[in-house]
């Protein structure tokens, strides 16, 4: 299992557009056969920061996600164009 958290920071004026882009990306990503979990969150005390919890069956499934048309359109062509900061935290399951 491949699990990680992506943290993205956006300008306040982009908040509504990014929420819609994330909704579309999450809906499409969850339909991928290798996607176990894809849940975007907005921080309660910082609504301009989004955290996406992602899990894939394996590295091959993650690679397929990154090559998908919806990732290219909504992430690369949408989120990445407006984000101010981005970080990724890779996770290791304890149980």
PDB file of N, CA and C in Angstrom:
ATOM      1  N   UNK A   1       0.852  -1.176   0.000  1.00  0.00           N
ATOM      2  CA  UNK A   1       0.000   0.000   0.000  1.00  0.00           C
ATOM      3  C   UNK A   1       0.899   1.242   0.000  1.00  0.00           C
ATOM      4  N   UNK A   2       0.538   2.215  -0.809  1.00  0.00           N
ATOM      5  CA  UNK A   2       1.241   3.493  -0.881  1.00  0.00           C
ATOM      6  C   UNK A   2       0.303   4.554  -0.318  1.00  0.00           C
ATOM      7  N   UNK A   3       0.746   5.237   0.750  1.00  0.00           N
ATOM      8  CA  UNK A   3      -0.081   6.254   1.402  1.00  0.00           C
ATOM      9  C   UNK A   3       0.723   7.524   1.588  1.00  0.00           C
ATOM     10  N   UNK A   4       0.078   8.660   1.382  1.00  0.00           N
ATOM     11  CA  UNK A   4       0.746   9.942   1.593  1.00  0.00           C
ATOM     12  C   UNK A   4      -0.270  11.058   1.743  1.00  0.00           C
ATOM     13  N   UNK A   5       0.231  12.189   2.209  1.00  0.00           N
ATOM     14  CA  UNK A   5      -0.570  13.397   2.363  1.00  0.00           C
ATOM     15  C   UNK A   5       0.069  14.486   1.517  1.00  0.00           C
ATOM     16  N   UNK A   6      -0.743  15.166   0.725  1.00  0.00           N
ATOM     17  CA  UNK A   6      -0.286  16.307  -0.051  1.00  0.00           C
ATOM     18  C   UNK A   6      -0.884  17.552   0.598  1.00  0.00           C
ATOM     19  N   UNK A   7      -0.041  18.521   0.893  1.00  0.00           N
ATOM     20  CA  UNK A   7      -0.482  19.778   1.495  1.00  0.00           C
ATOM     21  C   UNK A   7      -0.299  20.886   0.461  1.00  0.00           C
ATOM     22  N   UNK A   8      -1.388  21.610   0.167  1.00  0.00           N
ATOM     23  CA  UNK A   8      -1.383  22.679  -0.822  1.00  0.00           C
ATOM     24  C   UNK A   8      -1.893  23.969  -0.202  1.00  0.00           C
ATOM     25  N   UNK A   9      -1.262  25.058  -0.542  1.00  0.00           N
ATOM     26  CA  UNK A   9      -1.675  26.378  -0.048  1.00  0.00           C
ATOM     27  C   UNK A   9      -2.089  27.217  -1.252  1.00  0.00           C
ATOM     28  N   UNK A  10      -3.256  27.876  -1.143  1.00  0.00           N
ATOM     29  CA  UNK A  10      -3.795  28.697  -2.217  1.00  0.00           C
ATOM     30  C   UNK A  10      -4.115  30.100  -1.716  1.00  0.00           C
ATOM     31  N   UNK A  11      -4.268  31.027  -2.639  1.00  0.00           N
ATOM     32  CA  UNK A  11      -4.716  32.375  -2.306  1.00  0.00           C
ATOM     33  C   UNK A  11      -6.210  32.318  -1.974  1.00  0.00           C
ATOM     34  N   UNK A  12      -6.650  33.179  -1.085  1.00  0.00           N
ATOM     35  CA  UNK A  12      -8.061  33.195  -0.679  1.00  0.00           C
ATOM     36  C   UNK A  12      -9.003  33.360  -1.857  1.00  0.00           C
ATOM     37  N   UNK A  13      -8.624  34.165  -2.821  1.00  0.00           N
ATOM     38  CA  UNK A  13      -9.502  34.414  -3.971  1.00  0.00           C
ATOM     39  C   UNK A  13      -9.654  33.181  -4.872  1.00  0.00           C
ATOM     40  N   UNK A  14      -8.797  32.190  -4.715  1.00  0.00           N
ATOM     41  CA  UNK A  14      -8.881  30.967  -5.519  1.00  0.00           C
ATOM     42  C   UNK A  14      -9.613  29.838  -4.801  1.00  0.00           C
ATOM     43  N   UNK A  15     -10.072  30.088  -3.595  1.00  0.00           N
ATOM     44  CA  UNK A  15     -10.654  29.033  -2.754  1.00  0.00           C
ATOM     45  C   UNK A  15     -11.822  28.301  -3.419  1.00  0.00           C
ATOM     46  N   UNK A  16     -12.775  29.017  -3.975  1.00  0.00           N
ATOM     47  CA  UNK A  16     -13.949  28.382  -4.585  1.00  0.00           C
ATOM     48  C   UNK A  16     -13.564  27.568  -5.813  1.00  0.00           C
ATOM     49  N   UNK A  17     -12.703  28.104  -6.659  1.00  0.00           N
ATOM     50  CA  UNK A  17     -12.248  27.372  -7.848  1.00  0.00           C
ATOM     51  C   UNK A  17     -11.507  26.106  -7.461  1.00  0.00           C
ATOM     52  N   UNK A  18     -10.672  26.192  -6.449  1.00  0.00           N
ATOM     53  CA  UNK A  18      -9.891  25.031  -6.043  1.00  0.00           C
ATOM     54  C   UNK A  18     -10.786  23.955  -5.423  1.00  0.00           C
ATOM     55  N   UNK A  19     -11.801  24.375  -4.696  1.00  0.00           N
ATOM     56  CA  UNK A  19     -12.740  23.405  -4.113  1.00  0.00           C
ATOM     57  C   UNK A  19     -13.444  22.620  -5.223  1.00  0.00           C
ATOM     58  N   UNK A  20     -13.856  23.299  -6.279  1.00  0.00           N
ATOM     59  CA  UNK A  20     -14.514  22.627  -7.399  1.00  0.00           C
ATOM     60  C   UNK A  20     -13.538  21.723  -8.146  1.00  0.00           C
ATOM     61  N   UNK A  21     -12.331  22.195  -8.365  1.00  0.00           N
ATOM     62  CA  UNK A  21     -11.306  21.384  -9.026  1.00  0.00           C
ATOM     63  C   UNK A  21     -11.018  20.128  -8.209  1.00  0.00           C
ATOM     64  N   UNK A  22     -10.904  20.269  -6.907  1.00  0.00           N
ATOM     65  CA  UNK A  22     -10.657  19.115  -6.024  1.00  0.00           C
ATOM     66  C   UNK A  22     -11.832  18.142  -6.037  1.00  0.00           C
ATOM     67  N   UNK A  23     -13.037  18.654  -6.093  1.00  0.00           N
ATOM     68  CA  UNK A  23     -14.211  17.785  -6.149  1.00  0.00           C
ATOM     69  C   UNK A  23     -14.152  16.921  -7.411  1.00  0.00           C
ATOM     70  N   UNK A  24     -13.841  17.539  -8.538  1.00  0.00           N
ATOM     71  CA  UNK A  24     -13.762  16.803  -9.803  1.00  0.00           C
ATOM     72  C   UNK A  24     -12.607  15.797  -9.787  1.00  0.00           C
ATOM     73  N   UNK A  25     -11.468  16.226  -9.275  1.00  0.00           N
ATOM     74  CA  UNK A  25     -10.302  15.338  -9.215  1.00  0.00           C
ATOM     75  C   UNK A  25     -10.564  14.156  -8.289  1.00  0.00           C
ATOM     76  N   UNK A  26     -11.153  14.414  -7.137  1.00  0.00           N
ATOM     77  CA  UNK A  26     -11.439  13.335  -6.185  1.00  0.00           C
ATOM     78  C   UNK A  26     -12.439  12.335  -6.764  1.00  0.00           C
ATOM     79  N   UNK A  27     -13.481  12.834  -7.397  1.00  0.00           N
ATOM     80  CA  UNK A  27     -14.499  11.953  -7.986  1.00  0.00           C
ATOM     81  C   UNK A  27     -13.875  11.025  -9.023  1.00  0.00           C
ATOM     82  N   UNK A  28     -13.057  11.576  -9.897  1.00  0.00           N
ATOM     83  CA  UNK A  28     -12.418  10.758 -10.945  1.00  0.00           C
ATOM     84  C   UNK A  28     -11.373   9.818 -10.349  1.00  0.00           C
ATOM     85  N   UNK A  29     -10.589  10.296  -9.407  1.00  0.00           N
ATOM     86  CA  UNK A  29      -9.526   9.484  -8.818  1.00  0.00           C
ATOM     87  C   UNK A  29     -10.084   8.277  -8.080  1.00  0.00           C
ATOM     88  N   UNK A  30     -11.193   8.463  -7.382  1.00  0.00           N
ATOM     89  CA  UNK A  30     -11.796   7.366  -6.625  1.00  0.00           C
ATOM     90  C   UNK A  30     -12.301   6.243  -7.528  1.00  0.00           C
ATOM     91  N   UNK A  31     -12.474   6.519  -8.806  1.00  0.00           N
ATOM     92  CA  UNK A  31     -12.937   5.505  -9.752  1.00  0.00           C
ATOM     93  C   UNK A  31     -11.792   4.684 -10.331  1.00  0.00           C
ATOM     94  N   UNK A  32     -10.559   5.083 -10.075  1.00  0.00           N
ATOM     95  CA  UNK A  32      -9.409   4.325 -10.564  1.00  0.00           C
ATOM     96  C   UNK A  32      -9.364   2.974  -9.852  1.00  0.00           C
ATOM     97  N   UNK A  33      -9.080   1.889 -10.587  1.00  0.00           N
ATOM     98  CA  UNK A  33      -9.065   0.567  -9.946  1.00  0.00           C
ATOM     99  C   UNK A  33      -8.032   0.431  -8.832  1.00  0.00           C
ATOM    100  N   UNK A  34      -6.919   1.145  -8.898  1.00  0.00           N
ATOM    101  CA  UNK A  34      -5.879   1.017  -7.880  1.00  0.00           C
ATOM    102  C   UNK A  34      -5.964   2.027  -6.758  1.00  0.00           C
ATOM    103  N   UNK A  35      -6.955   2.907  -6.805  1.00  0.00           N
ATOM    104  CA  UNK A  35      -7.114   3.921  -5.755  1.00  0.00           C
ATOM    105  C   UNK A  35      -7.898   3.325  -4.590  1.00  0.00           C
ATOM    106  N   UNK A  36      -7.293   3.362  -3.412  1.00  0.00           N
ATOM    107  CA  UNK A  36      -7.937   2.858  -2.202  1.00  0.00           C
ATOM    108  C   UNK A  36      -8.673   3.995  -1.500  1.00  0.00           C
ATOM    109  N   UNK A  37      -8.057   5.172  -1.469  1.00  0.00           N
ATOM    110  CA  UNK A  37      -8.614   6.308  -0.753  1.00  0.00           C
ATOM    111  C   UNK A  37      -8.100   7.601  -1.368  1.00  0.00           C
ATOM    112  N   UNK A  38      -8.976   8.580  -1.532  1.00  0.00           N
ATOM    113  CA  UNK A  38      -8.585   9.892  -2.036  1.00  0.00           C
ATOM    114  C   UNK A  38      -9.542  10.899  -1.399  1.00  0.00           C
ATOM    115  N   UNK A  39      -9.072  11.581  -0.354  1.00  0.00           N
ATOM    116  CA  UNK A  39      -9.957  12.464   0.401  1.00  0.00           C
ATOM    117  C   UNK A  39      -9.302  13.825   0.605  1.00  0.00           C
ATOM    118  N   UNK A  40      -9.784  14.851  -0.110  1.00  0.00           N
ATOM    119  CA  UNK A  40      -9.271  16.200   0.128  1.00  0.00           C
ATOM    120  C   UNK A  40      -9.947  16.818   1.356  1.00  0.00           C
ATOM    121  N   UNK A  41      -9.169  17.570   2.113  1.00  0.00           N
ATOM    122  CA  UNK A  41      -9.665  18.251   3.316  1.00  0.00           C
ATOM    123  C   UNK A  41      -9.241  19.715   3.264  1.00  0.00           C
ATOM    124  N   UNK A  42     -10.050  20.557   3.826  1.00  0.00           N
ATOM    125  CA  UNK A  42      -9.690  21.961   4.034  1.00  0.00           C
ATOM    126  C   UNK A  42      -9.401  22.109   5.525  1.00  0.00           C
ATOM    127  N   UNK A  43      -8.319  22.786   5.859  1.00  0.00           N
ATOM    128  CA  UNK A  43      -8.012  22.967   7.277  1.00  0.00           C
ATOM    129  C   UNK A  43      -9.053  23.878   7.911  1.00  0.00           C
ATOM    130  N   UNK A  44      -9.556  23.470   9.044  1.00  0.00           N
ATOM    131  CA  UNK A  44     -10.604  24.226   9.730  1.00  0.00           C
ATOM    132  C   UNK A  44     -10.134  25.624  10.113  1.00  0.00           C
ATOM    133  N   UNK A  45      -8.900  25.741  10.585  1.00  0.00           N
ATOM    134  CA  UNK A  45      -8.407  27.043  11.037  1.00  0.00           C
ATOM    135  C   UNK A  45      -7.581  27.783   9.982  1.00  0.00           C
ATOM    136  N   UNK A  46      -7.477  27.220   8.765  1.00  0.00           N
ATOM    137  CA  UNK A  46      -6.758  27.855   7.661  1.00  0.00           C
ATOM    138  C   UNK A  46      -7.394  27.394   6.356  1.00  0.00           C
ATOM    139  N   UNK A  47      -8.514  27.997   5.959  1.00  0.00           N
ATOM    140  CA  UNK A  47      -9.259  27.519   4.792  1.00  0.00           C
ATOM    141  C   UNK A  47      -8.526  27.661   3.461  1.00  0.00           C
ATOM    142  N   UNK A  48      -7.387  28.309   3.442  1.00  0.00           N
ATOM    143  CA  UNK A  48      -6.598  28.412   2.211  1.00  0.00           C
ATOM    144  C   UNK A  48      -5.611  27.255   2.064  1.00  0.00           C
ATOM    145  N   UNK A  49      -5.603  26.356   3.043  1.00  0.00           N
ATOM    146  CA  UNK A  49      -4.737  25.176   2.995  1.00  0.00           C
ATOM    147  C   UNK A  49      -5.593  23.932   2.820  1.00  0.00           C
ATOM    148  N   UNK A  50      -5.188  23.110   1.868  1.00  0.00           N
ATOM    149  CA  UNK A  50      -5.872  21.855   1.562  1.00  0.00           C
ATOM    150  C   UNK A  50      -4.905  20.707   1.835  1.00  0.00           C
ATOM    151  N   UNK A  51      -5.420  19.658   2.431  1.00  0.00           N
ATOM    152  CA  UNK A  51      -4.648  18.431   2.633  1.00  0.00           C
ATOM    153  C   UNK A  51      -5.403  17.307   1.934  1.00  0.00           C
ATOM    154  N   UNK A  52      -4.686  16.562   1.103  1.00  0.00           N
ATOM    155  CA  UNK A  52      -5.296  15.428   0.405  1.00  0.00           C
ATOM    156  C   UNK A  52      -4.657  14.151   0.941  1.00  0.00           C
ATOM    157  N   UNK A  53      -5.481  13.270   1.503  1.00  0.00           N
ATOM    158  CA  UNK A  53      -5.017  11.964   1.958  1.00  0.00           C
ATOM    159  C   UNK A  53      -5.234  10.985   0.811  1.00  0.00           C
ATOM    160  N   UNK A  54      -4.142  10.367   0.349  1.00  0.00           N
ATOM    161  CA  UNK A  54      -4.218   9.460  -0.789  1.00  0.00           C
ATOM    162  C   UNK A  54      -3.637   8.094  -0.439  1.00  0.00           C
ATOM    163  N   UNK A  55      -4.295   7.051  -0.928  1.00  0.00           N
ATOM    164  CA  UNK A  55      -3.800   5.679  -0.776  1.00  0.00           C
ATOM    165  C   UNK A  55      -4.027   4.945  -2.088  1.00  0.00           C
ATOM    166  N   UNK A  56      -2.997   4.197  -2.491  1.00  0.00           N
ATOM    167  CA  UNK A  56      -3.060   3.391  -3.707  1.00  0.00           C
ATOM    168  C   UNK A  56      -2.619   1.976  -3.393  1.00  0.00           C
ATOM    169  N   UNK A  57      -3.117   1.042  -4.166  1.00  0.00           N
ATOM    170  CA  UNK A  57      -2.822  -0.369  -3.966  1.00  0.00           C
ATOM    171  C   UNK A  57      -1.315  -0.627  -3.990  1.00  0.00           C
ATOM    172  N   UNK A  58      -0.616   0.024  -4.920  1.00  0.00           N
ATOM    173  CA  UNK A  58       0.828  -0.169  -5.059  1.00  0.00           C
ATOM    174  C   UNK A  58       1.415   0.968  -5.905  1.00  0.00           C
ATOM    175  N   UNK A  59       2.709   0.916  -6.148  1.00  0.00           N
ATOM    176  CA  UNK A  59       3.382   1.959  -6.925  1.00  0.00           C
ATOM    177  C   UNK A  59       2.859   2.023  -8.360  1.00  0.00           C
ATOM    178  N   UNK A  60       2.496   0.888  -8.910  1.00  0.00           N
ATOM    179  CA  UNK A  60       1.948   0.857 -10.267  1.00  0.00           C
ATOM    180  C   UNK A  60       0.632   1.624 -10.338  1.00  0.00           C
ATOM    181  N   UNK A  61      -0.207   1.470  -9.330  1.00  0.00           N
ATOM    182  CA  UNK A  61      -1.486   2.188  -9.278  1.00  0.00           C
ATOM    183  C   UNK A  61      -1.258   3.697  -9.118  1.00  0.00           C
ATOM    184  N   UNK A  62      -0.270   4.061  -8.318  1.00  0.00           N
ATOM    185  CA  UNK A  62       0.061   5.481  -8.164  1.00  0.00           C
ATOM    186  C   UNK A  62       0.560   6.054  -9.482  1.00  0.00           C
ATOM    187  N   UNK A  63       1.409   5.318 -10.186  1.00  0.00           N
ATOM    188  CA  UNK A  63       1.914   5.777 -11.484  1.00  0.00           C
ATOM    189  C   UNK A  63       0.762   5.948 -12.477  1.00  0.00           C
ATOM    190  N   UNK A  64      -0.193   5.028 -12.465  1.00  0.00           N
ATOM    191  CA  UNK A  64      -1.361   5.133 -13.348  1.00  0.00           C
ATOM    192  C   UNK A  64      -2.174   6.378 -13.006  1.00  0.00           C
ATOM    193  N   UNK A  65      -2.310   6.683 -11.726  1.00  0.00           N
ATOM    194  CA  UNK A  65      -3.020   7.898 -11.294  1.00  0.00           C
ATOM    195  C   UNK A  65      -2.345   9.136 -11.870  1.00  0.00           C
ATOM    196  N   UNK A  66      -1.048   9.194 -11.750  1.00  0.00           N
ATOM    197  CA  UNK A  66      -0.298  10.368 -12.218  1.00  0.00           C
ATOM    198  C   UNK A  66      -0.286  10.496 -13.737  1.00  0.00           C
ATOM    199  N   UNK A  67      -0.572   9.417 -14.438  1.00  0.00           N
ATOM    200  CA  UNK A  67      -0.637   9.449 -15.900  1.00  0.00           C
ATOM    201  C   UNK A  67      -2.063   9.625 -16.423  1.00  0.00           C
ATOM    202  N   UNK A  68      -3.034   9.612 -15.525  1.00  0.00           N
ATOM    203  CA  UNK A  68      -4.437   9.705 -15.948  1.00  0.00           C
ATOM    204  C   UNK A  68      -4.752  11.090 -16.510  1.00  0.00           C
ATOM    205  N   UNK A  69      -5.730  11.115 -17.376  1.00  0.00           N
ATOM    206  CA  UNK A  69      -6.144  12.383 -17.994  1.00  0.00           C
ATOM    207  C   UNK A  69      -6.697  13.343 -16.935  1.00  0.00           C
ATOM    208  N   UNK A  70      -7.477  12.838 -15.987  1.00  0.00           N
ATOM    209  CA  UNK A  70      -8.049  13.726 -14.974  1.00  0.00           C
ATOM    210  C   UNK A  70      -6.965  14.332 -14.075  1.00  0.00           C
ATOM    211  N   UNK A  71      -5.889  13.596 -13.808  1.00  0.00           N
ATOM    212  CA  UNK A  71      -4.786  14.162 -13.021  1.00  0.00           C
ATOM    213  C   UNK A  71      -4.105  15.279 -13.812  1.00  0.00           C
ATOM    214  N   UNK A  72      -3.872  15.027 -15.098  1.00  0.00           N
ATOM    215  CA  UNK A  72      -3.225  16.044 -15.930  1.00  0.00           C
ATOM    216  C   UNK A  72      -4.074  17.304 -16.048  1.00  0.00           C
ATOM    217  N   UNK A  73      -5.369  17.140 -16.182  1.00  0.00           N
ATOM    218  CA  UNK A  73      -6.267  18.292 -16.331  1.00  0.00           C
ATOM    219  C   UNK A  73      -6.453  19.028 -15.002  1.00  0.00           C
ATOM    220  N   UNK A  74      -6.853  18.305 -13.957  1.00  0.00           N
ATOM    221  CA  UNK A  74      -7.246  18.951 -12.698  1.00  0.00           C
ATOM    222  C   UNK A  74      -6.090  19.249 -11.750  1.00  0.00           C
ATOM    223  N   UNK A  75      -5.085  18.382 -11.706  1.00  0.00           N
ATOM    224  CA  UNK A  75      -3.944  18.624 -10.814  1.00  0.00           C
ATOM    225  C   UNK A  75      -2.893  19.477 -11.518  1.00  0.00           C
ATOM    226  N   UNK A  76      -2.305  18.942 -12.570  1.00  0.00           N
ATOM    227  CA  UNK A  76      -1.229  19.652 -13.264  1.00  0.00           C
ATOM    228  C   UNK A  76      -1.738  20.940 -13.910  1.00  0.00           C
ATOM    229  N   UNK A  77      -2.873  20.858 -14.595  1.00  0.00           N
ATOM    230  CA  UNK A  77      -3.399  22.032 -15.291  1.00  0.00           C
ATOM    231  C   UNK A  77      -4.233  22.958 -14.438  1.00  0.00           C
ATOM    232  N   UNK A  78      -4.620  22.530 -13.249  1.00  0.00           N
ATOM    233  CA  UNK A  78      -5.478  23.338 -12.381  1.00  0.00           C
ATOM    234  C   UNK A  78      -4.810  23.699 -11.067  1.00  0.00           C
ATOM    235  N   UNK A  79      -4.750  22.727 -10.166  1.00  0.00           N
ATOM    236  CA  UNK A  79      -4.209  22.980  -8.828  1.00  0.00           C
ATOM    237  C   UNK A  79      -2.773  23.491  -8.862  1.00  0.00           C
ATOM    238  N   UNK A  80      -1.924  22.844  -9.644  1.00  0.00           N
ATOM    239  CA  UNK A  80      -0.502  23.206  -9.672  1.00  0.00           C
ATOM    240  C   UNK A  80      -0.280  24.622 -10.209  1.00  0.00           C
ATOM    241  N   UNK A  81      -1.205  25.085 -11.026  1.00  0.00           N
ATOM    242  CA  UNK A  81      -1.051  26.417 -11.616  1.00  0.00           C
ATOM    243  C   UNK A  81      -1.369  27.533 -10.617  1.00  0.00           C
ATOM    244  N   UNK A  82      -2.191  27.228  -9.627  1.00  0.00           N
ATOM    245  CA  UNK A  82      -2.602  28.256  -8.675  1.00  0.00           C
ATOM    246  C   UNK A  82      -2.051  28.081  -7.269  1.00  0.00           C
ATOM    247  N   UNK A  83      -1.425  26.952  -7.000  1.00  0.00           N
ATOM    248  CA  UNK A  83      -0.920  26.729  -5.645  1.00  0.00           C
ATOM    249  C   UNK A  83       0.251  27.659  -5.360  1.00  0.00           C
ATOM    250  N   UNK A  84       0.331  28.052  -4.115  1.00  0.00           N
ATOM    251  CA  UNK A  84       1.441  28.897  -3.663  1.00  0.00           C
ATOM    252  C   UNK A  84       2.531  28.072  -2.992  1.00  0.00           C
ATOM    253  N   UNK A  85       2.123  26.964  -2.389  1.00  0.00           N
ATOM    254  CA  UNK A  85       3.059  26.045  -1.734  1.00  0.00           C
ATOM    255  C   UNK A  85       2.541  24.629  -1.915  1.00  0.00           C
ATOM    256  N   UNK A  86       3.470  23.673  -1.906  1.00  0.00           N
ATOM    257  CA  UNK A  86       3.095  22.255  -1.991  1.00  0.00           C
ATOM    258  C   UNK A  86       4.140  21.435  -1.243  1.00  0.00           C
ATOM    259  N   UNK A  87       3.667  20.477  -0.460  1.00  0.00           N
ATOM    260  CA  UNK A  87       4.568  19.523   0.183  1.00  0.00           C
ATOM    261  C   UNK A  87       3.880  18.167   0.222  1.00  0.00           C
ATOM    262  N   UNK A  88       4.702  17.117   0.302  1.00  0.00           N
ATOM    263  CA  UNK A  88       4.189  15.754   0.340  1.00  0.00           C
ATOM    264  C   UNK A  88       4.807  15.053   1.536  1.00  0.00           C
ATOM    265  N   UNK A  89       3.987  14.349   2.301  1.00  0.00           N
ATOM    266  CA  UNK A  89       4.456  13.544   3.419  1.00  0.00           C
ATOM    267  C   UNK A  89       4.115  12.096   3.147  1.00  0.00           C
ATOM    268  N   UNK A  90       5.130  11.257   2.951  1.00  0.00           N
ATOM    269  CA  UNK A  90       4.916   9.831   2.714  1.00  0.00           C
ATOM    270  C   UNK A  90       4.672   9.145   4.043  1.00  0.00           C
ATOM    271  N   UNK A  91       3.740   8.211   4.065  1.00  0.00           N
ATOM    272  CA  UNK A  91       3.310   7.547   5.285  1.00  0.00           C
ATOM    273  C   UNK A  91       3.653   6.067   5.253  1.00  0.00           C
ATOM    274  N   UNK A  92       3.978   5.512   6.409  1.00  0.00           N
ATOM    275  CA  UNK A  92       4.189   4.080   6.588  1.00  0.00           C
ATOM    276  C   UNK A  92       3.181   3.575   7.606  1.00  0.00           C
ATOM    277  N   UNK A  93       2.389   2.594   7.222  1.00  0.00           N
ATOM    278  CA  UNK A  93       1.387   2.045   8.132  1.00  0.00           C
ATOM    279  C   UNK A  93       2.054   1.288   9.270  1.00  0.00           C
ATOM    280  N   UNK A  94       1.519   1.439  10.458  1.00  0.00           N
ATOM    281  CA  UNK A  94       2.053   0.752  11.638  1.00  0.00           C
ATOM    282  C   UNK A  94       1.329  -0.565  11.906  1.00  0.00           C
ATOM    283  N   UNK A  95       0.157  -0.705  11.362  1.00  0.00           N
ATOM    284  CA  UNK A  95      -0.598  -1.953  11.579  1.00  0.00           C
ATOM    285  C   UNK A  95      -1.318  -2.356  10.316  1.00  0.00           C
TER     286      UNK A  95
END
